[in-house]
Amino acid sequence: MKVYLVRHGQTDTNIERKYNYRNEDINEKGIQQAEELKEKIRDMDFDVIYCSPLLRARHTANIINSKNKEIITDNRLEERKHGNLEGKSIECTNREIYWTYPTNTIYGTEETVQNLFERVNDFLNELKSKNYDKVLVVAHKGISRAFDAYFYGIPKDGKFLKLGLDNAEIKEYEL
């Protein structure tokens, strides 16, 4: 099964470089990015689209769904929950440590990288049992880091900060 992962289009919080979990929509540039991606993947035929329930991912999924495929929302595809870091500048943490697996450093009430990866692993393991040829998943940068961990393993140094998709970027995996 081929799995294609897309990160949602740009949001204002992305520009402001703040931690975000809230249900923020994509901005005008994010809409444009999604429209461009729609053209790029127009000839690809997916069996189904799985999507984070967060608005920015759902809006992106609706834009790029040119063939009107079923969109299934799955809470396991939500962005990493940043807890009391939400709305704060990403500079309030050591980003390298924040995205290291495993780490014992906790900055507040955020979800751990380990818990994020576990829920994404659960989603992907369940997806294996489905009879699909091609699946499109629309989610978040943190989810793309978890996908990389699942498909390529944990790097020796455990660092994931430099990994992950840009806004409206797509990546192919073989499940």
Protein backbone atom coordinates (compact mmCIF):
# COMPACT_ATOMS: atom_id res chain seq x y z
CA MET A 1 0.00 0.00 0.00
CA LYS A 2 1.24 3.46 -0.86
CA VAL A 3 0.61 6.12 1.76
CA TYR A 4 0.95 9.77 0.83
CA LEU A 5 1.28 12.23 3.68
CA VAL A 6 0.47 15.91 3.23
CA ARG A 7 1.02 18.67 5.76
CA HIS A 8 -1.71 21.31 5.91
CA GLY A 9 -1.31 24.71 4.27
CA GLN A 10 0.23 27.66 6.08
CA THR A 11 -1.42 29.23 9.14
CA ASP A 12 -0.78 32.56 10.83
CA THR A 13 0.72 30.72 13.81
CA ASN A 14 3.24 29.09 11.45
CA ILE A 15 4.38 32.56 10.38
CA GLU A 16 4.48 33.80 13.98
CA ARG A 17 6.57 30.75 14.98
CA LYS A 18 4.33 29.88 17.91
CA TYR A 19 3.25 26.58 19.37
CA ASN A 20 -0.21 25.78 18.09
CA TYR A 21 -2.70 23.08 18.78
CA ARG A 22 -5.88 25.13 18.61
CA ASN A 23 -8.33 24.80 15.78
CA GLU A 24 -6.82 27.44 13.50
CA ASP A 25 -7.67 27.63 9.81
CA ILE A 26 -5.17 28.05 6.99
CA ASN A 27 -4.51 31.59 5.80
CA GLU A 28 -4.63 32.97 2.23
CA LYS A 29 -1.17 31.64 1.44
CA GLY A 30 -2.20 28.26 2.88
CA ILE A 31 -5.22 28.21 0.58
CA GLN A 32 -2.96 29.03 -2.39
CA GLN A 33 -0.51 26.27 -1.35
CA ALA A 34 -3.36 23.76 -1.14
CA GLU A 35 -4.67 24.81 -4.57
CA GLU A 36 -1.17 24.33 -6.04
CA LEU A 37 -0.88 20.91 -4.41
CA LYS A 38 -4.31 19.99 -5.78
CA GLU A 39 -2.99 20.60 -9.30
CA LYS A 40 0.19 18.65 -8.58
CA ILE A 41 -1.70 15.54 -7.44
CA ARG A 42 -4.75 15.90 -9.69
CA ASP A 43 -3.96 12.70 -11.63
CA MET A 44 -3.35 10.59 -8.52
CA ASP A 45 -6.24 8.35 -7.55
CA PHE A 46 -6.57 7.59 -3.84
CA ASP A 47 -8.89 5.01 -2.34
CA VAL A 48 -9.57 7.20 0.68
CA ILE A 49 -8.33 10.28 2.51
CA TYR A 50 -7.57 10.21 6.24
CA CYS A 51 -7.34 13.54 7.96
CA SER A 52 -6.64 15.17 11.29
CA PRO A 53 -9.84 16.60 12.77
CA LEU A 54 -8.17 20.02 13.19
CA LEU A 55 -9.57 22.72 10.90
CA ARG A 56 -6.31 23.54 9.09
CA ALA A 57 -5.91 19.92 8.00
CA ARG A 58 -9.59 19.45 7.12
CA HIS A 59 -9.64 22.64 5.03
CA THR A 60 -6.50 21.52 3.18
CA ALA A 61 -7.98 18.04 2.61
CA ASN A 62 -11.19 19.52 1.21
CA ILE A 63 -9.27 21.71 -1.23
CA ILE A 64 -6.99 18.95 -2.56
CA ASN A 65 -9.80 16.37 -2.79
CA SER A 66 -10.41 16.92 -6.51
CA LYS A 67 -11.98 13.47 -6.97
CA ASN A 68 -14.39 13.85 -4.05
CA LYS A 69 -13.10 10.83 -2.16
CA GLU A 70 -14.34 9.94 1.28
CA ILE A 71 -12.50 11.89 4.01
CA ILE A 72 -12.21 10.05 7.31
CA THR A 73 -11.11 12.10 10.31
CA ASP A 74 -8.96 10.34 12.88
CA ASN A 75 -7.95 11.89 16.21
CA ARG A 76 -4.65 10.00 16.15
CA LEU A 77 -3.59 12.36 13.36
CA GLU A 78 -3.92 15.50 15.49
CA GLU A 79 -0.80 17.62 15.96
CA ARG A 80 1.31 17.08 19.05
CA LYS A 81 -0.58 18.60 21.95
CA HIS A 82 1.52 21.49 23.23
CA GLY A 83 -0.45 22.00 26.43
CA ASN A 84 0.40 25.21 28.26
CA LEU A 85 3.00 26.05 25.59
CA GLU A 86 0.19 26.76 23.12
CA GLY A 87 0.37 30.32 21.83
CA LYS A 88 3.91 30.84 23.12
CA SER A 89 6.91 31.46 20.91
CA ILE A 90 8.70 28.27 19.92
CA GLU A 91 11.84 29.96 21.24
CA CYS A 92 10.63 29.39 24.83
CA THR A 93 11.94 25.83 24.57
CA ASN A 94 15.11 24.18 23.37
CA ARG A 95 13.64 22.95 20.09
CA GLU A 96 16.31 20.28 19.65
CA ILE A 97 15.41 18.74 23.02
CA TYR A 98 11.68 19.27 22.45
CA TRP A 99 11.86 17.04 19.37
CA THR A 100 14.32 14.42 20.67
CA TYR A 101 13.18 10.84 21.18
CA PRO A 102 13.27 9.90 23.96
CA THR A 103 13.71 12.83 26.29
CA ASN A 104 12.98 13.33 29.95
CA THR A 105 12.76 17.11 29.52
CA ILE A 106 9.23 18.41 29.92
CA TYR A 107 8.54 22.14 29.54
CA GLY A 108 4.97 22.15 30.74
CA THR A 109 1.92 20.07 30.02
CA GLU A 110 2.82 19.11 26.44
CA GLU A 111 2.35 15.64 25.02
CA THR A 112 5.61 13.71 24.93
CA VAL A 113 7.24 12.74 21.66
CA GLN A 114 6.91 9.12 22.76
CA ASN A 115 3.11 9.43 23.18
CA LEU A 116 2.78 11.20 19.83
CA PHE A 117 4.75 8.46 18.08
CA GLU A 118 2.72 5.73 19.83
CA ARG A 119 -0.62 7.09 18.60
CA VAL A 120 0.71 7.50 15.05
CA ASN A 121 2.13 3.95 15.18
CA ASP A 122 -1.30 2.74 16.27
CA PHE A 123 -2.91 4.51 13.30
CA LEU A 124 -0.39 3.09 10.80
CA ASN A 125 -0.58 -0.43 12.23
CA GLU A 126 -4.37 -0.34 11.88
CA LEU A 127 -4.06 1.06 8.34
CA LYS A 128 -2.01 -2.04 7.40
CA SER A 129 -5.11 -4.17 7.95
CA LYS A 130 -7.12 -2.20 5.37
CA ASN A 131 -7.40 -3.26 1.76
CA TYR A 132 -6.26 -0.05 0.07
CA ASP A 133 -3.81 0.54 -2.75
CA LYS A 134 -3.29 4.29 -2.23
CA VAL A 135 -4.14 6.37 0.81
CA LEU A 136 -3.78 10.10 1.29
CA VAL A 137 -3.24 11.38 4.83
CA VAL A 138 -3.55 15.09 5.64
CA ALA A 139 -2.05 16.11 8.96
CA HIS A 140 0.71 18.14 10.62
CA LYS A 141 4.49 18.55 10.87
CA GLY A 142 4.66 16.61 14.12
CA ILE A 143 2.75 13.76 12.49
CA SER A 144 5.23 13.79 9.59
CA ARG A 145 8.06 13.37 12.11
CA ALA A 146 6.23 10.39 13.60
CA PHE A 147 5.76 8.91 10.11
CA ASP A 148 9.51 9.20 9.51
CA ALA A 149 10.16 7.42 12.83
CA TYR A 150 7.75 4.64 11.87
CA PHE A 151 9.09 4.07 8.37
CA TYR A 152 12.81 4.84 8.86
CA GLY A 153 13.35 4.23 12.57
CA ILE A 154 14.66 6.44 15.32
CA PRO A 155 17.97 8.15 14.41
CA LYS A 156 20.90 7.22 16.66
CA ASP A 157 20.86 10.71 18.17
CA GLY A 158 17.04 10.63 18.49
CA LYS A 159 16.74 14.09 16.94
CA PHE A 160 13.68 14.90 14.85
CA LEU A 161 13.76 18.71 14.74
CA LYS A 162 15.16 18.90 11.21
CA LEU A 163 12.68 16.29 9.95
CA GLY A 164 9.11 16.94 8.92
CA LEU A 165 7.16 18.31 6.01
CA ASP A 166 6.79 21.94 5.03
CA ASN A 167 3.33 23.41 4.53
CA ALA A 168 1.41 21.68 1.71
CA GLU A 169 4.32 19.32 1.03
CA ILE A 170 3.64 15.68 0.13
CA LYS A 171 5.73 12.59 0.84
CA GLU A 172 5.25 8.99 -0.28
CA TYR A 173 5.70 5.92 1.92
CA GLU A 174 5.30 2.19 1.29
CA LEU A 175 3.30 0.43 4.01
